[in-house]
């Protein structure tokens, strides 16, 4: 848990949840939601897994940049990427769960330095901390 909240945001979902709309109350983001075709929907919109994948990729890249800078591990190159793949499916215990794969590219960095930045990214990233122990996350340095 944070010791001090320095930013918060608020969003509201309407309609059928996965088939509806969701928007931040400040109007900065609004999306039409649709169940993916693979789950029996029409796929004519975004879904929570896509939104999670986008957020996690961006947050994790930022965490790695923070780690590299604050811990003097080097400079994360401008062409660095994090590709987040989020999958959803039924759990043996009932309900649904997600799994995440993060593919990280840190071109031009020594592999050992790059791996240390990747590892520290998980320690710093609030998404990684939020799902630790609840979601299988596989991280690959490509």
Protein backbone atom coordinates (compact mmCIF):
# COMPACT_ATOMS: atom_id res chain seq x y z
CA UNK A 1 0.00 0.00 0.00
CA UNK A 2 1.24 3.50 -0.69
CA UNK A 3 2.35 5.54 2.30
CA UNK A 4 1.08 8.69 0.59
CA UNK A 5 -1.23 8.90 -2.44
CA UNK A 6 0.23 11.47 -4.85
CA UNK A 7 -2.28 10.99 -7.67
CA UNK A 8 -5.64 9.32 -8.08
CA UNK A 9 -8.13 9.07 -10.92
CA UNK A 10 -11.73 8.00 -11.19
CA UNK A 11 -13.64 6.19 -13.91
CA UNK A 12 -17.22 4.98 -14.26
CA UNK A 13 -18.47 2.01 -16.28
CA UNK A 14 -22.04 1.98 -17.59
CA UNK A 15 -24.15 -0.47 -19.51
CA UNK A 16 -23.43 -4.16 -19.35
CA UNK A 17 -19.93 -3.99 -17.91
CA UNK A 18 -17.97 -5.74 -20.66
CA UNK A 19 -20.58 -4.45 -23.15
CA UNK A 20 -20.99 -0.79 -22.38
CA UNK A 21 -18.95 2.32 -21.92
CA UNK A 22 -16.32 3.45 -19.48
CA UNK A 23 -14.84 6.90 -19.00
CA UNK A 24 -12.74 8.88 -16.61
CA UNK A 25 -14.68 11.58 -14.80
CA UNK A 26 -12.26 14.25 -16.04
CA UNK A 27 -13.16 13.37 -19.65
CA UNK A 28 -9.58 12.51 -20.64
CA UNK A 29 -10.43 8.92 -21.62
CA UNK A 30 -13.62 7.31 -22.87
CA UNK A 31 -13.95 3.85 -24.38
CA UNK A 32 -16.70 1.70 -25.80
CA UNK A 33 -16.45 -1.76 -24.31
CA UNK A 34 -17.26 -5.03 -26.07
CA UNK A 35 -16.77 -8.69 -25.29
CA UNK A 36 -14.06 -10.15 -27.57
CA UNK A 37 -15.20 -12.51 -30.33
CA UNK A 38 -13.17 -15.28 -28.66
CA UNK A 39 -15.46 -14.97 -25.64
CA UNK A 40 -18.71 -14.88 -27.62
CA UNK A 41 -19.01 -11.13 -28.19
CA UNK A 42 -18.90 -9.00 -31.28
CA UNK A 43 -15.47 -7.50 -30.52
CA UNK A 44 -16.64 -4.05 -31.67
CA UNK A 45 -14.87 -2.16 -28.90
CA UNK A 46 -12.15 -2.46 -26.32
CA UNK A 47 -12.13 -4.86 -23.40
CA UNK A 48 -10.68 -4.71 -19.88
CA UNK A 49 -7.78 -7.00 -20.81
CA UNK A 50 -6.68 -4.60 -23.56
CA UNK A 51 -6.87 -1.68 -21.17
CA UNK A 52 -4.86 -3.60 -18.56
CA UNK A 53 -2.25 -4.58 -21.18
CA UNK A 54 -1.81 -0.97 -22.32
CA UNK A 55 -1.58 0.33 -18.76
CA UNK A 56 0.82 -2.36 -17.56
CA UNK A 57 3.17 -1.93 -20.54
CA UNK A 58 3.35 1.83 -20.05
CA UNK A 59 3.70 1.63 -16.28
CA UNK A 60 6.40 -1.05 -16.44
CA UNK A 61 8.45 0.90 -19.01
CA UNK A 62 8.22 3.95 -16.76
CA UNK A 63 9.30 1.88 -13.75
CA UNK A 64 12.34 0.61 -15.62
CA UNK A 65 13.27 4.17 -16.62
CA UNK A 66 12.92 5.25 -12.99
CA UNK A 67 15.04 2.31 -11.80
CA UNK A 68 17.78 2.93 -14.35
CA UNK A 69 17.98 6.61 -13.49
CA UNK A 70 17.61 6.51 -9.72
CA UNK A 71 19.87 3.50 -9.26
CA UNK A 72 22.42 4.67 -11.85
CA UNK A 73 22.09 1.50 -13.90
CA UNK A 74 22.38 3.24 -17.25
CA UNK A 75 20.00 4.99 -19.58
CA UNK A 76 16.97 3.21 -20.98
CA UNK A 77 17.11 3.94 -24.72
CA UNK A 78 14.35 5.93 -26.41
CA UNK A 79 13.51 2.92 -28.59
CA UNK A 80 12.98 0.61 -25.60
CA UNK A 81 9.68 -1.28 -25.67
CA UNK A 82 7.49 -3.34 -23.39
CA UNK A 83 4.92 -5.55 -25.06
CA UNK A 84 2.30 -6.77 -22.60
CA UNK A 85 0.17 -9.79 -23.48
CA UNK A 86 -2.79 -10.34 -21.15
CA UNK A 87 -4.79 -13.56 -21.32
CA UNK A 88 -8.05 -14.40 -19.55
CA UNK A 89 -9.67 -17.74 -18.84
CA UNK A 90 -11.54 -19.80 -16.29
CA UNK A 91 -9.84 -20.81 -13.03
CA UNK A 92 -10.03 -24.34 -11.62
CA UNK A 93 -11.53 -22.87 -8.43
CA UNK A 94 -14.23 -21.06 -10.39
CA UNK A 95 -14.41 -17.55 -11.73
CA UNK A 96 -11.84 -16.14 -14.10
CA UNK A 97 -8.19 -15.24 -13.89
CA UNK A 98 -5.60 -13.49 -15.99
CA UNK A 99 -1.99 -14.14 -16.90
CA UNK A 100 0.56 -11.68 -18.25
CA UNK A 101 3.63 -11.91 -20.43
CA UNK A 102 5.95 -8.92 -20.67
CA UNK A 103 8.42 -8.88 -23.56
CA UNK A 104 11.04 -6.21 -22.91
CA UNK A 105 13.46 -4.82 -25.51
CA UNK A 106 16.32 -2.62 -24.29
CA UNK A 107 18.42 -2.25 -27.44
CA UNK A 108 22.05 -1.29 -27.03
CA UNK A 109 22.31 -2.18 -23.35
CA UNK A 110 24.58 -4.87 -22.00
CA UNK A 111 22.40 -7.91 -21.30
CA UNK A 112 23.37 -8.09 -17.59
CA UNK A 113 22.56 -4.40 -17.09
CA UNK A 114 19.33 -4.77 -19.04
CA UNK A 115 18.29 -7.75 -16.89
CA UNK A 116 18.96 -5.80 -13.70
CA UNK A 117 16.76 -2.96 -15.01
CA UNK A 118 14.03 -5.46 -15.89
CA UNK A 119 14.20 -7.02 -12.41
CA UNK A 120 14.14 -3.65 -10.64
CA UNK A 121 11.18 -2.64 -12.81
CA UNK A 122 9.06 -5.31 -11.12
CA UNK A 123 10.05 -4.06 -7.69
CA UNK A 124 9.08 -0.48 -8.56
CA UNK A 125 6.06 -0.93 -10.88
CA UNK A 126 2.73 -0.50 -9.04
CA UNK A 127 1.01 -2.90 -11.47
CA UNK A 128 3.58 -5.60 -10.64
CA UNK A 129 3.13 -4.92 -6.94
CA UNK A 130 -0.67 -4.95 -7.18
CA UNK A 131 -0.86 -8.37 -8.82
CA UNK A 132 2.10 -10.06 -7.10
CA UNK A 133 1.07 -13.51 -5.91
CA UNK A 134 -2.29 -13.35 -7.74
CA UNK A 135 -1.34 -13.30 -11.42
CA UNK A 136 1.28 -15.34 -13.25
CA UNK A 137 3.66 -12.86 -14.89
CA UNK A 138 6.40 -14.02 -17.23
CA UNK A 139 8.99 -11.46 -18.23
CA UNK A 140 11.32 -12.01 -21.18
CA UNK A 141 14.23 -9.81 -22.19
CA UNK A 142 14.26 -9.93 -25.99
